[in-house]
Amino acid sequence: MDSQPYPRQKQSLSSLFGPLQEFIGTSFLFSKFVASIQKTVKNASTVPVITGNAPLGNGNESDLQHAFDLPPRAVREGLIDAFMKRCAPWMPIVERSWLAEGHGNQPSLLLLQAVFLAGSRVSSAPAVAAYASPNEFYRRAKALFWSGYEKNPVTMITAVLVMHWYNPEGPEHISLNTSGFWNRIGVGLAFQIGLHKEPPPGRNAALRRRLWWTLYARDCLISASHGRPRAINPDDCDVRALYNGDFYQSTADGPMFISYVELASLLGDLTQCFCRKYLSRQKRQYIEGALYRWTRELPDHLQLFRRDSPNQGTSPKLVPAPYSFEARQLHVLYFVILAILFRTTPPASTPSPAAVLASSFVAGIFEDFLARDEIRFLGPVFTFYVLASGVGLLSCFPYPHLWAKAERDLRIIYNSQKELSTRWPSAIGSLNALQSMKAEASKTQRHKDAQMIGSLAPVQLSYFSGFGTDLCRLGEAILTHHIQDLLDPRRIYDEQSSRSASDMMTAGILAELRTPIAAPTALDGYQPLASVLEHHPMQSASSGVTTDITGDILCGQYAGIGDWLLKDWDWDSAIAW
């Protein structure tokens, strides 16, 4: 069956999202008129819509014409299946019923094309490739967005989030098509409709929270990948945290998404501190305490390991839990946060055992992904995760007894980046960076004896309790003396067993005070735009010199995805991306 055009008559999506009157925000400057405004809104018979038509991004009318084409039924169903299975768990903002026609429901064409795009990025079906490429689906969705065809702002934000799965370039390129660009578009629309404010009780409240926290999680991960400021300042928002009740009418795994948002938020906070070159003791305590609670509150179906006693009366052992692709993706993010939080600045310093251990866990998880051919289902942010873990593993090079195993893990990291690069070009630069760093590491002095890098501090060990060594090659070398502590986290702080998890973490952290990353003024040569332009004044047109800001001013701050992780490495030469 050939592709078919989509009917051009439009239907309001209020049947899907319900009345959107409560989405209209009011300024704090006019608080005394709130009652009057709310009364006006309640009397309104239509939902707020986007007014006016914006021109197409590239001025090509053929893009909009093809935007009404739909794939054959079998391809449509396959793409929707791929999206719901691989993408939707990390953005529970689209229900399958919204994408089906019938019973008076006509799905949004913009949302459909965005879902087809995302589905095509995680599908290897020959029928999909024969019909259209991800680039073609993207052009259709992009044309619909910029044409103003879709009027419902909630649908537009949802589609923008789904379009993050395109991401054709890394942050080193100036582009209007990357997830970073679309993230800013989505955040701007969200602010316009008041999505950053806690919604009043109603049928749309849960959807609004899921949409907001999906947007915030994406903002944090993009910030970490690119080393750029977040578009959302959480201090300006009062949307309460998600809870299981927000997923009552959703098919999504609520506990998993809640756990994911918590980790994404922590990574966003950590990235912000590192990029500003200052991590206060209070902020570090907050991040470390939140990570500890995260491991203790994680539901059983998301755990990596379980305790098993083969025979009655024998000591329990930690064995891998039944395989879960989503649980492993979640733990990759967890271990990457640990690798960054406890990292040192090799090769000048002794490697951090916690960072090395966390990086080895990431490699162990990716080994499973490679064995199951699941790399193709991962999003673009995983190129950053792989780079971060590779940095931790490279710090083992001066220690031969560790490098023998770390090199095997690093080979997995290389292979994973190669697989990721077939879908996400940003992985190419980070793979080149890792290879360049390894070449530089080979020039450093190695320890001839079996000098150890130290053992885990009690506060660090608590983050690895409950995890066995089956997914960690370097576990035996670092955790040999901590096996019982891993089985029973209470052994770590026996004298504090009556305290809450938060109290335990605070006590451990205060016993090991840490200094800021660097002086707040040490910004790696960063110059505000005003000071740059002061030294490169733009000439007026009358002088005969162009007024364009030259490329050497605008470009060059970003070498590639995750480049901020490498700025404090003590190499004699630059890292090649």
Protein backbone atom coordinates (compact mmCIF):
# COMPACT_ATOMS: atom_id res chain seq x y z
CA MET A 1 0.00 0.00 0.00
CA ASP A 2 1.44 3.36 -1.05
CA SER A 3 1.76 6.33 1.21
CA GLN A 4 -1.34 8.41 1.60
CA PRO A 5 -1.90 12.13 2.05
CA TYR A 6 -3.14 13.34 5.38
CA PRO A 7 -6.53 15.09 5.36
CA ARG A 8 -5.94 18.81 5.63
CA GLN A 9 -9.00 19.60 7.68
CA LYS A 10 -7.98 20.22 11.25
CA GLN A 11 -9.57 19.29 14.54
CA SER A 12 -8.89 20.76 17.98
CA LEU A 13 -6.82 18.54 20.25
CA SER A 14 -8.89 19.47 23.26
CA SER A 15 -10.28 15.93 23.08
CA LEU A 16 -6.79 14.67 23.87
CA PHE A 17 -5.49 17.23 26.31
CA GLY A 18 -8.70 18.60 27.69
CA PRO A 19 -9.49 22.28 28.02
CA LEU A 20 -6.31 24.32 28.34
CA GLN A 21 -7.70 27.44 29.96
CA GLU A 22 -5.63 26.91 33.11
CA PHE A 23 -2.47 27.09 30.96
CA ILE A 24 -2.82 30.86 30.71
CA GLY A 25 -0.46 32.57 33.15
CA THR A 26 -0.82 35.95 34.82
CA SER A 27 1.89 38.44 35.64
CA PHE A 28 2.83 39.04 39.27
CA LEU A 29 2.54 42.77 38.50
CA PHE A 30 -1.21 42.40 38.07
CA SER A 31 -2.01 40.06 40.95
CA LYS A 32 -5.02 42.12 42.04
CA PHE A 33 -6.64 41.45 38.67
CA VAL A 34 -6.15 37.68 38.85
CA ALA A 35 -9.74 36.98 39.82
CA SER A 36 -11.04 39.02 36.92
CA ILE A 37 -8.66 37.38 34.48
CA GLN A 38 -9.56 33.88 35.69
CA LYS A 39 -13.23 34.67 35.30
CA THR A 40 -12.64 35.77 31.73
CA VAL A 41 -10.67 32.61 31.01
CA LYS A 42 -13.36 30.35 32.43
CA ASN A 43 -15.92 31.99 30.16
CA ALA A 44 -13.74 31.43 27.10
CA SER A 45 -15.02 28.76 24.75
CA THR A 46 -11.77 28.08 22.91
CA VAL A 47 -8.35 26.92 23.95
CA PRO A 48 -5.37 29.25 23.59
CA VAL A 49 -3.73 28.80 20.23
CA ILE A 50 -0.68 30.11 18.45
CA THR A 51 -1.68 33.03 16.25
CA GLY A 52 -0.16 33.96 12.93
CA ASN A 53 1.80 31.91 10.45
CA ALA A 54 5.57 31.85 10.48
CA PRO A 55 7.44 31.32 7.20
CA LEU A 56 9.08 27.99 6.54
CA GLY A 57 12.59 27.61 7.85
CA ASN A 58 14.08 27.21 4.37
CA GLY A 59 11.40 28.81 2.25
CA ASN A 60 10.81 25.57 0.35
CA GLU A 61 7.10 24.99 -0.15
CA SER A 62 7.72 21.41 -1.29
CA ASP A 63 8.72 20.50 2.26
CA LEU A 64 5.30 21.53 3.52
CA GLN A 65 3.60 19.73 0.65
CA HIS A 66 5.31 16.44 1.52
CA ALA A 67 4.60 17.05 5.20
CA PHE A 68 1.07 15.79 4.58
CA ASP A 69 2.29 12.42 3.32
CA LEU A 70 1.94 9.49 5.67
CA PRO A 71 3.79 6.17 5.45
CA PRO A 72 1.93 2.98 4.52
CA ARG A 73 0.00 1.39 7.36
CA ALA A 74 2.62 -1.27 8.15
CA VAL A 75 5.42 1.29 8.25
CA ARG A 76 3.31 3.64 10.38
CA GLU A 77 2.61 0.94 12.92
CA GLY A 78 6.24 -0.16 12.98
CA LEU A 79 7.49 3.38 13.59
CA ILE A 80 4.97 3.99 16.35
CA ASP A 81 5.90 0.66 17.96
CA ALA A 82 9.59 1.60 17.86
CA PHE A 83 8.90 4.99 19.40
CA MET A 84 6.69 3.66 22.18
CA LYS A 85 9.18 0.92 23.09
CA ARG A 86 12.49 2.77 22.81
CA CYS A 87 11.78 6.49 23.14
CA ALA A 88 8.57 6.95 25.13
CA PRO A 89 9.94 5.51 28.41
CA TRP A 90 12.20 8.59 28.65
CA MET A 91 9.49 11.03 27.61
CA PRO A 92 6.08 9.84 28.90
CA ILE A 93 4.24 12.62 27.13
CA VAL A 94 2.66 10.70 24.24
CA GLU A 95 0.04 7.98 24.54
CA ARG A 96 -0.41 5.57 21.68
CA SER A 97 -4.13 6.30 21.57
CA TRP A 98 -3.32 9.88 20.61
CA LEU A 99 -1.72 8.66 17.39
CA ALA A 100 -4.63 6.53 16.20
CA GLU A 101 -7.51 7.67 14.02
CA GLY A 102 -11.07 6.68 14.71
CA HIS A 103 -13.94 7.39 17.07
CA GLY A 104 -13.84 11.04 16.09
CA ASN A 105 -10.15 11.40 16.89
CA GLN A 106 -7.81 12.93 14.36
CA PRO A 107 -4.20 12.95 15.61
CA SER A 108 -1.96 15.95 15.22
CA LEU A 109 -0.02 15.76 11.97
CA LEU A 110 2.95 17.55 13.54
CA LEU A 111 3.06 15.07 16.41
CA LEU A 112 2.72 12.14 14.00
CA GLN A 113 5.64 13.27 11.85
CA ALA A 114 7.75 13.90 14.96
CA VAL A 115 6.98 10.39 16.25
CA PHE A 116 7.83 8.92 12.83
CA LEU A 117 11.14 10.77 12.98
CA ALA A 118 12.00 9.47 16.44
CA GLY A 119 10.88 5.96 15.54
CA SER A 120 13.06 5.96 12.44
CA ARG A 121 16.10 6.82 14.58
CA VAL A 122 15.71 3.65 16.64
CA SER A 123 14.53 1.35 13.87
CA SER A 124 16.55 -0.73 11.43
CA ALA A 125 13.55 -2.11 9.55
CA PRO A 126 14.25 -2.26 5.79
CA ALA A 127 10.69 -1.14 5.04
CA VAL A 128 11.24 2.08 6.99
CA ALA A 129 14.51 2.85 5.23
CA ALA A 130 12.89 2.12 1.85
CA TYR A 131 10.08 4.56 2.52
CA ALA A 132 11.95 7.56 3.94
CA SER A 133 15.08 8.52 5.84
CA PRO A 134 15.09 10.20 9.27
CA ASN A 135 16.14 13.37 7.45
CA GLU A 136 12.96 13.28 5.37
CA PHE A 137 10.74 12.78 8.41
CA TYR A 138 12.57 15.63 10.11
CA ARG A 139 12.03 18.00 7.17
CA ARG A 140 8.31 17.23 7.26
CA ALA A 141 8.01 17.87 10.99
CA LYS A 142 10.17 20.98 10.80
CA ALA A 143 8.12 22.38 7.92
CA LEU A 144 4.88 21.82 9.80
CA PHE A 145 6.27 23.48 12.92
CA TRP A 146 7.54 26.63 11.23
CA SER A 147 4.50 26.95 8.96
CA GLY A 148 2.24 27.50 11.95
CA TYR A 149 0.00 24.64 10.86
CA GLU A 150 -0.26 23.31 14.41
CA LYS A 151 -2.01 25.76 16.73
CA ASN A 152 -2.07 23.87 20.02
CA PRO A 153 0.94 25.00 22.10
CA VAL A 154 1.00 21.80 24.18
CA THR A 155 1.19 19.72 21.04
CA MET A 156 3.97 21.94 19.71
CA ILE A 157 6.05 21.51 22.88
CA THR A 158 5.45 17.76 22.82
CA ALA A 159 6.52 17.53 19.18
CA VAL A 160 9.61 19.65 19.83
CA LEU A 161 10.68 17.27 22.59
CA VAL A 162 10.20 14.27 20.34
CA MET A 163 12.22 15.98 17.59
CA HIS A 164 15.23 15.93 19.93
CA TRP A 165 15.83 12.43 18.59
CA TYR A 166 17.08 13.87 15.29
CA ASN A 167 20.21 15.75 16.49
CA PRO A 168 22.39 15.51 13.35
CA GLU A 169 25.43 17.41 14.65
CA GLY A 170 27.57 17.96 17.72
CA PRO A 171 27.81 21.20 19.72
CA GLU A 172 30.93 22.24 17.82
CA HIS A 173 28.67 23.20 14.89
CA ILE A 174 26.33 26.18 14.78
CA SER A 175 23.04 24.63 13.76
CA LEU A 176 19.29 25.18 13.75
CA ASN A 177 18.60 21.45 13.81
CA THR A 178 20.23 20.09 16.97
CA SER A 179 18.52 19.07 20.18
CA GLY A 180 20.10 22.10 21.86
CA PHE A 181 18.33 24.44 19.46
CA TRP A 182 14.97 22.72 19.76
CA ASN A 183 15.35 22.58 23.52
CA ARG A 184 15.43 26.39 23.66
CA ILE A 185 12.38 26.57 21.41
CA GLY A 186 10.48 24.19 23.68
CA VAL A 187 11.49 26.03 26.85
CA GLY A 188 10.45 29.36 25.34
CA LEU A 189 7.00 28.02 24.46
CA ALA A 190 6.69 26.40 27.89
CA PHE A 191 7.31 29.72 29.61
CA GLN A 192 4.71 31.40 27.41
CA ILE A 193 1.96 29.04 28.53
CA GLY A 194 3.07 28.96 32.17
CA LEU A 195 4.22 25.36 32.15
CA HIS A 196 6.86 26.23 34.74
CA LYS A 197 4.17 27.01 37.33
CA GLU A 198 2.42 24.39 39.46
CA PRO A 199 -0.92 23.69 37.75
CA PRO A 200 -4.20 23.78 39.63
CA PRO A 201 -5.95 20.45 40.22
CA GLY A 202 -7.61 19.13 37.12
CA ARG A 203 -7.47 16.58 34.35
CA ASN A 204 -4.45 18.27 32.74
CA ALA A 205 -2.32 18.65 35.87
CA ALA A 206 -0.53 15.30 35.57
CA LEU A 207 0.16 15.77 31.86
CA ARG A 208 1.54 19.25 32.48
CA ARG A 209 3.91 17.96 35.16
CA ARG A 210 5.13 15.09 32.99
CA LEU A 211 5.67 17.48 30.10
CA TRP A 212 7.52 20.00 32.25
CA TRP A 213 9.80 17.47 33.90
CA THR A 214 10.54 15.83 30.55
CA LEU A 215 11.60 19.22 29.25
CA TYR A 216 13.68 19.92 32.35
CA ALA A 217 15.43 16.54 32.24
CA ARG A 218 16.30 17.06 28.59
CA ASP A 219 17.60 20.55 29.39
CA CYS A 220 19.90 19.15 32.08
CA LEU A 221 21.28 16.38 29.87
CA ILE A 222 21.87 18.72 26.94
CA SER A 223 23.64 21.14 29.27
CA ALA A 224 25.91 18.33 30.48
CA SER A 225 26.65 17.09 26.97
CA HIS A 226 27.42 20.53 25.58
CA GLY A 227 28.89 22.19 28.64
CA ARG A 228 26.54 25.12 28.19
CA PRO A 229 24.13 26.87 30.57
CA ARG A 230 20.73 25.36 31.16
CA ALA A 231 17.78 27.14 29.61
CA ILE A 232 15.73 26.57 32.78
CA ASN A 233 16.63 27.99 36.16
CA PRO A 234 14.88 25.73 38.69
CA ASP A 235 14.70 28.62 41.15
CA ASP A 236 12.21 30.29 38.82
CA CYS A 237 9.86 27.28 38.76
CA ASP A 238 7.48 25.87 41.33
CA VAL A 239 6.19 22.69 39.67
CA ARG A 240 6.22 20.01 42.34
CA ALA A 241 8.16 16.80 41.92
CA LEU A 242 6.53 13.90 40.12
CA TYR A 243 4.90 11.07 42.04
CA ASN A 244 3.24 7.83 40.98
CA GLY A 245 -0.19 9.46 40.90
CA ASP A 246 0.91 11.58 37.93
CA PHE A 247 1.03 8.37 35.86
CA TYR A 248 -2.41 7.06 36.82
CA GLN A 249 -3.83 7.33 33.28
CA SER A 250 -0.51 6.77 31.52
CA THR A 251 1.03 3.56 30.23
CA ALA A 252 4.52 4.75 31.22
CA ASP A 253 6.68 3.28 33.97
CA GLY A 254 6.26 6.07 36.50
CA PRO A 255 8.90 4.98 39.04
CA MET A 256 11.51 4.63 36.30
CA PHE A 257 10.86 8.06 34.85
CA ILE A 258 10.86 9.66 38.29
CA SER A 259 14.23 8.05 39.01
CA TYR A 260 15.51 9.26 35.64
CA VAL A 261 14.46 12.86 36.25
CA GLU A 262 16.16 12.84 39.65
CA LEU A 263 19.47 11.75 38.11
CA ALA A 264 19.20 14.14 35.17
CA SER A 265 18.63 17.02 37.58
CA LEU A 266 21.69 16.05 39.62
CA LEU A 267 23.86 15.85 36.51
CA GLY A 268 22.60 19.27 35.45
CA ASP A 269 23.50 20.73 38.85
CA LEU A 270 26.92 19.09 38.79
CA THR A 271 27.67 20.32 35.28
CA GLN A 272 26.72 23.85 36.24
CA CYS A 273 29.11 23.77 39.20
CA PHE A 274 32.01 22.38 37.17
CA CYS A 275 31.51 24.85 34.32
CA ARG A 276 31.46 27.70 36.83
CA LYS A 277 34.57 26.24 38.46
CA TYR A 278 33.04 26.25 41.92
CA LEU A 279 31.38 23.43 43.83
CA SER A 280 30.47 24.55 47.32
CA ARG A 281 30.53 22.18 50.27
CA GLN A 282 26.79 22.64 50.72
CA LYS A 283 26.05 21.79 47.09
CA ARG A 284 28.31 18.76 47.20
CA GLN A 285 26.55 17.52 50.33
CA TYR A 286 23.21 17.90 48.58
CA ILE A 287 24.33 15.98 45.47
CA GLU A 288 26.01 13.20 47.46
CA GLY A 289 23.04 12.82 49.78
CA ALA A 290 20.61 12.72 46.85
CA LEU A 291 22.67 10.03 45.11
CA TYR A 292 22.75 7.92 48.27
CA ARG A 293 18.98 8.17 48.70
CA TRP A 294 18.47 7.37 45.02
CA THR A 295 20.18 3.99 45.37
CA ARG A 296 18.22 3.15 48.52
CA GLU A 297 14.82 4.13 47.14
CA LEU A 298 15.15 2.57 43.68
CA PRO A 299 12.33 0.04 43.01
CA ASP A 300 13.27 -3.63 42.81
CA HIS A 301 12.50 -3.95 39.09
CA LEU A 302 15.11 -1.27 38.34
CA GLN A 303 17.91 -2.77 40.43
CA LEU A 304 21.04 -4.10 38.71
CA PHE A 305 21.77 -6.77 41.34
CA ARG A 306 19.86 -8.87 43.82
CA ARG A 307 20.97 -10.83 46.88
CA ASP A 308 20.93 -14.57 46.42
CA SER A 309 21.54 -17.38 48.92
CA PRO A 310 22.14 -20.62 46.94
CA ASN A 311 21.72 -22.82 50.01
CA GLN A 312 20.10 -22.27 53.35
CA GLY A 313 22.62 -21.14 55.90
CA THR A 314 25.15 -19.91 53.33
CA SER A 315 26.19 -16.31 53.00
CA PRO A 316 24.24 -14.34 50.41
CA LYS A 317 25.97 -13.09 47.29
CA LEU A 318 25.17 -10.34 44.84
CA VAL A 319 24.10 -11.65 41.44
CA PRO A 320 22.84 -9.73 38.40
CA ALA A 321 19.12 -9.11 38.37
CA PRO A 322 17.06 -10.22 35.35
CA TYR A 323 18.19 -8.19 32.35
CA SER A 324 16.44 -4.87 31.84
CA PHE A 325 17.55 -2.54 29.05
CA GLU A 326 15.91 0.45 30.72
CA ALA A 327 17.40 -0.28 34.16
CA ARG A 328 20.87 -0.44 32.64
CA GLN A 329 20.38 2.85 30.82
CA LEU A 330 19.35 4.39 34.12
CA HIS A 331 22.45 3.11 35.88
CA VAL A 332 24.75 4.37 33.14
CA LEU A 333 23.60 7.86 34.10
CA TYR A 334 24.11 7.09 37.79
CA PHE A 335 27.67 5.85 37.33
CA VAL A 336 28.57 8.74 35.02
CA ILE A 337 27.55 11.18 37.75
CA LEU A 338 29.82 9.34 40.19
CA ALA A 339 32.68 9.36 37.68
CA ILE A 340 32.39 13.13 37.29
CA LEU A 341 31.73 13.90 40.95
CA PHE A 342 34.79 12.02 42.23
CA ARG A 343 37.12 12.59 39.31
CA THR A 344 40.61 14.00 39.64
CA THR A 345 42.70 15.72 36.98
CA PRO A 346 44.92 13.00 35.52
CA PRO A 347 47.65 12.36 34.64
CA ALA A 348 49.06 14.87 37.12
CA SER A 349 47.13 13.43 40.06
CA THR A 350 46.50 9.97 41.46
CA PRO A 351 43.32 8.55 39.90
CA SER A 352 40.21 8.51 42.01
CA PRO A 353 39.24 4.90 42.83
CA ALA A 354 35.57 5.89 42.91
CA ALA A 355 35.74 7.49 39.46
CA VAL A 356 37.65 4.51 38.04
CA LEU A 357 35.18 2.05 39.54
CA ALA A 358 32.17 3.96 38.21
CA SER A 359 33.73 4.16 34.74
CA SER A 360 34.33 0.41 34.76
CA PHE A 361 30.67 -0.19 35.60
CA VAL A 362 29.67 1.91 32.60
CA ALA A 363 31.93 -0.17 30.37
CA GLY A 364 30.43 -3.37 31.79
CA ILE A 365 26.92 -2.19 31.00
CA PHE A 366 27.90 -1.20 27.47
CA GLU A 367 29.43 -4.63 26.99
CA ASP A 368 25.91 -6.01 27.46
CA PHE A 369 24.51 -3.45 25.03
CA LEU A 370 27.04 -4.49 22.39
CA ALA A 371 26.35 -8.19 22.92
CA ARG A 372 22.62 -7.62 22.45
CA ASP A 373 22.97 -5.16 19.55
CA GLU A 374 21.13 -2.51 21.58
CA ILE A 375 23.47 0.43 20.97
CA ARG A 376 21.21 1.44 18.08
CA PHE A 377 18.37 2.09 20.51
CA LEU A 378 20.28 4.61 22.63
CA GLY A 379 19.81 8.37 22.44
CA PRO A 380 22.50 10.89 21.48
CA VAL A 381 23.36 11.76 25.10
CA PHE A 382 25.01 8.35 25.45
CA THR A 383 27.94 9.61 23.40
CA PHE A 384 28.66 11.93 26.33
CA TYR A 385 28.28 9.12 28.87
CA VAL A 386 30.79 6.98 26.99
CA LEU A 387 33.27 9.85 26.79
CA ALA A 388 32.97 10.56 30.52
CA SER A 389 33.64 6.93 31.42
CA GLY A 390 36.54 6.76 28.97
CA VAL A 391 38.20 9.69 30.72
CA GLY A 392 38.02 7.81 34.03
CA LEU A 393 39.50 4.64 32.53
CA LEU A 394 42.38 6.49 30.87
CA SER A 395 43.51 7.73 34.27
CA CYS A 396 44.61 4.13 35.03
CA PHE A 397 47.36 4.13 32.40
CA PRO A 398 50.27 4.89 34.81
CA TYR A 399 49.33 1.82 36.88
CA PRO A 400 50.11 -1.41 34.96
CA HIS A 401 48.21 -3.67 37.36
CA LEU A 402 45.04 -1.63 36.70
CA TRP A 403 45.66 -0.82 33.06
CA ALA A 404 45.53 -4.47 31.99
CA LYS A 405 41.82 -4.53 32.84
CA ALA A 406 41.09 -0.88 32.17
CA GLU A 407 42.37 -1.27 28.61
CA ARG A 408 39.80 -4.00 27.97
CA ASP A 409 37.09 -1.70 29.28
CA LEU A 410 38.42 1.11 27.11
CA ARG A 411 38.19 -1.14 24.07
CA ILE A 412 34.50 -1.59 24.86
CA ILE A 413 34.16 2.18 25.11
CA TYR A 414 35.81 2.61 21.70
CA ASN A 415 33.54 0.02 20.09
CA SER A 416 30.49 1.62 21.68
CA GLN A 417 31.43 5.05 20.34
CA LYS A 418 31.92 3.56 16.89
CA GLU A 419 28.45 2.03 17.01
CA LEU A 420 26.95 5.27 18.29
CA SER A 421 28.67 7.24 15.52
CA THR A 422 26.66 5.36 12.88
CA ARG A 423 23.58 7.22 14.12
CA TRP A 424 24.91 10.18 16.09
CA PRO A 425 27.74 12.16 14.42
CA SER A 426 28.63 13.77 17.75
CA ALA A 427 30.21 10.44 18.73
CA ILE A 428 32.88 10.82 16.05
CA GLY A 429 34.53 13.78 17.76
CA SER A 430 34.46 12.19 21.21
CA LEU A 431 35.95 8.96 19.83
CA ASN A 432 38.77 10.95 18.24
CA ALA A 433 39.29 12.77 21.54
CA LEU A 434 39.58 9.51 23.49
CA GLN A 435 42.07 8.11 21.01
CA SER A 436 44.08 11.33 21.15
CA MET A 437 44.06 11.22 24.95
CA LYS A 438 45.28 7.63 24.95
CA ALA A 439 48.15 8.60 22.68
CA GLU A 440 49.07 11.39 25.08
CA ALA A 441 48.74 9.07 28.07
CA SER A 442 51.26 6.71 26.54
CA LYS A 443 53.87 9.46 26.93
CA THR A 444 53.42 9.69 30.70
CA GLN A 445 55.63 7.96 33.22
CA ARG A 446 54.36 4.60 34.47
CA HIS A 447 54.83 3.10 37.91
CA LYS A 448 57.02 0.00 37.77
CA ASP A 449 55.75 -1.43 41.03
CA ALA A 450 52.23 -2.43 41.90
CA GLN A 451 51.52 0.90 43.52
CA MET A 452 47.89 1.10 44.54
CA ILE A 453 45.70 4.10 43.86
CA GLY A 454 44.14 3.93 47.30
CA SER A 455 40.93 2.51 48.65
CA LEU A 456 37.44 3.88 48.72
CA ALA A 457 36.53 6.22 51.54
CA PRO A 458 33.45 5.12 53.53
CA VAL A 459 31.32 7.83 51.97
CA GLN A 460 32.39 6.67 48.48
CA LEU A 461 31.88 3.00 49.26
CA SER A 462 28.25 3.66 50.16
CA TYR A 463 27.50 4.48 46.50
CA PHE A 464 28.65 1.02 45.40
CA SER A 465 27.00 -1.05 48.12
CA GLY A 466 24.42 -3.33 46.58
CA PHE A 467 26.41 -3.68 43.34
CA GLY A 468 28.32 -6.86 42.57
CA THR A 469 31.46 -7.10 40.47
CA ASP A 470 29.96 -9.03 37.53
CA LEU A 471 29.61 -5.81 35.53
CA CYS A 472 32.90 -4.28 36.66
CA ARG A 473 36.30 -5.64 35.61
CA LEU A 474 38.13 -3.32 37.97
CA GLY A 475 35.90 -4.26 40.87
CA GLU A 476 38.14 -7.03 42.16
CA ALA A 477 41.19 -4.76 42.15
CA ILE A 478 39.46 -1.97 44.06
CA LEU A 479 36.74 -3.69 46.09
CA THR A 480 38.64 -6.74 47.37
CA HIS A 481 38.54 -5.53 50.97
CA HIS A 482 34.94 -4.32 50.80
CA ILE A 483 32.97 -7.41 49.74
CA GLN A 484 30.98 -7.69 52.96
CA ASP A 485 30.30 -3.96 52.96
CA LEU A 486 28.81 -4.26 49.48
CA LEU A 487 26.49 -7.02 50.66
CA ASP A 488 25.45 -5.16 53.79
CA PRO A 489 25.63 -1.37 53.54
CA ARG A 490 24.92 -1.09 57.27
CA ARG A 491 28.43 -2.35 58.00
CA ILE A 492 29.83 0.86 56.58
CA TYR A 493 28.48 2.90 59.45
CA ASP A 494 27.67 0.45 62.22
CA GLU A 495 27.89 3.12 64.85
CA GLN A 496 25.35 5.22 62.96
CA SER A 497 22.82 2.50 62.24
CA SER A 498 20.07 4.37 64.00
CA ARG A 499 20.46 7.44 61.88
CA SER A 500 18.56 8.19 58.73
CA ALA A 501 20.23 7.89 55.34
CA SER A 502 20.47 11.65 55.12
CA ASP A 503 22.17 11.93 58.52
CA MET A 504 24.60 9.18 57.59
CA MET A 505 25.60 10.93 54.41
CA THR A 506 26.03 14.28 56.11
CA ALA A 507 28.28 12.76 58.76
CA GLY A 508 30.44 11.08 56.16
CA ILE A 509 30.71 14.20 54.07
CA LEU A 510 31.59 16.50 56.96
CA ALA A 511 34.39 14.13 57.89
CA GLU A 512 35.90 14.66 54.46
CA LEU A 513 35.60 18.34 53.65
CA ARG A 514 36.45 19.22 50.09
CA THR A 515 37.73 22.44 48.59
CA PRO A 516 36.12 24.20 45.64
CA ILE A 517 37.07 23.00 42.18
CA ALA A 518 39.07 26.17 41.62
CA ALA A 519 38.98 29.83 42.45
CA PRO A 520 35.82 31.41 41.03
CA THR A 521 37.99 33.65 38.87
CA ALA A 522 39.77 30.76 37.16
CA LEU A 523 37.60 30.37 34.09
CA ASP A 524 39.95 28.74 31.57
CA GLY A 525 40.47 31.96 29.66
CA TYR A 526 36.77 32.63 29.20
CA GLN A 527 35.98 36.18 28.14
CA PRO A 528 32.54 37.80 28.23
CA LEU A 529 31.28 38.91 24.83
CA ALA A 530 31.59 42.57 25.84
CA SER A 531 35.31 42.24 26.48
CA VAL A 532 35.79 40.30 23.25
CA LEU A 533 34.09 42.99 21.20
CA GLU A 534 36.08 45.65 23.03
CA HIS A 535 39.27 44.18 21.56
CA HIS A 536 37.62 43.45 18.19
CA PRO A 537 35.46 46.54 17.50
CA MET A 538 33.04 46.21 14.60
CA GLN A 539 33.70 48.80 11.93
CA SER A 540 30.90 50.85 10.50
CA ALA A 541 29.74 50.39 6.95
CA SER A 542 31.15 53.78 5.99
CA SER A 543 34.66 52.58 6.77
CA GLY A 544 34.39 49.99 4.05
CA VAL A 545 35.00 47.14 6.46
CA THR A 546 32.38 44.46 7.05
CA THR A 547 30.33 44.73 10.24
CA ASP A 548 29.95 40.96 10.56
CA ILE A 549 31.42 39.37 13.67
CA THR A 550 34.19 37.18 12.35
CA GLY A 551 34.19 33.44 12.78
CA ASP A 552 37.25 33.47 15.02
CA ILE A 553 35.23 35.40 17.59
CA LEU A 554 32.02 33.37 17.44
CA CYS A 555 33.56 29.93 17.09
CA GLY A 556 36.14 27.85 18.84
CA GLN A 557 34.74 27.71 22.38
CA TYR A 558 33.40 24.19 21.88
CA ALA A 559 35.58 21.43 20.48
CA GLY A 560 32.94 18.72 20.74
CA ILE A 561 30.47 16.97 22.98
CA GLY A 562 31.70 16.80 26.58
CA ASP A 563 34.77 18.95 25.86
CA TRP A 564 34.39 20.66 29.25
CA LEU A 565 35.46 17.40 30.91
CA LEU A 566 38.90 17.65 29.31
CA LYS A 567 39.82 21.29 29.85
CA ASP A 568 41.74 20.65 33.06
CA TRP A 569 43.74 17.67 31.79
CA ASP A 570 47.45 18.32 32.08
CA TRP A 571 48.55 17.54 28.53
CA ASP A 572 51.41 19.15 26.66
CA SER A 573 49.40 19.25 23.45
CA ALA A 574 45.80 19.90 22.53
CA ILE A 575 43.26 17.11 22.35
CA ALA A 576 42.36 16.29 18.75
CA TRP A 577 38.61 16.07 18.11
